[in-house]
Amino acid sequence: MNANTNFRMPARRFTATAAATVLAAGPVVLAGAGSAHASADHGRASAVVLRTGLDVSLLNKTVNVPLTVSLNEVRAPRSAERTALTASLDGVDGGQPFSVLRADAASAKATASASGAEASTNLTHARIHVPGLPLLSLIEVGQVTSKATCEAGRKPVASATLLGGVTVLGKKVTLTVGGPTEVKVPGVGEVRLDFSRTLTTSRTAAASALELKVSVNPLKLNVADVEGTLTLGSVTCETPAAAAVSVSAPASAPDIKPQGAPAESGLAETGGSSTTPYVVGGAVVLLAAGGAAVALARRRHS
């Protein structure tokens, strides 16, 4: 018995296997599928209980001090919450800290994730003072809240509410949505208030519970002239960006051409197709394999 029978592939089977391998390689090259991945952006949100943009002129405008204060300001994607109850400013009250706001409750919260973003504020029993009026509050409020919500796939919403009374420069006032309220106190100053201002777009929402435009100069003494703006309960949010899917381009097949003859146009007229290069490649292997088989047969008979 020939010991090599179990290990030597017959020439005919070897030739067929080689041809099948070449023909199968073509589709594999063309089917080089590109990879795909998806990335989602987180939403964004911000909240602040109190923000001031006031200019304070002291001693007949010989000293100008900007009164810029932010109380409990938070921003997300890094979710955060703050609950400080007072805001002070140095250097405008004879060198002593000046209390701008005091409240029984004051909180701001902002959260954000791939599914949405939300911001909210709450201010309860708050009293706000400005330099020159140490005993008289610029404004006192019972409770103001604001909220902005931006959920993926839904329209953003924003709201602001006011509960309890509002007192401006010692006068009780009634605020209305959609229109400013003006308060004038002779010898003290004037304040213009806008209540519950909201704005939404397809991806964003914003709200302010109260916006004040302030002009205060007690008794026109020019001891402390205060001009500027003040905002209570400001919130914003933005929905997450839609997940973007990117697909890499498939690998292009190598340009295989028959060797020894120039490429001809009108390939379809001669019966050619997109698989012609693989058939030609298979034929080349068949010829080579056939030659190898004949040489092997001759050696065995010799």
Foldseek 3Di string as FASTA:
>chain_A
DDPCPVPDDALVVVLVVLLVVLLVVVVVQQPQFWDKDKDWFKKKKKKWFKFWFKWKAADLNPDIDTDTDTHFIDMDPVKDKDKDFWTWDADQPVRDIHTFKGFPTWMKTWHMDRFWIKIKIKTAFMFGPDPPCNPWTQKTFGMKMKMWIFGPPDWIDIWMDGDDWMAGRRRTDDADAPDWDKDADPQWWIKIKHAWDWDGDRFKIKTFGMKIFTFTDHNVPRRITMGGMMTGIIMMMGHMDPMDMDTDDGRDDDDADDPPDDDDPPCVVVVDDPSVSSSNVSVVSSVVSVVVSVVVVVVVVD
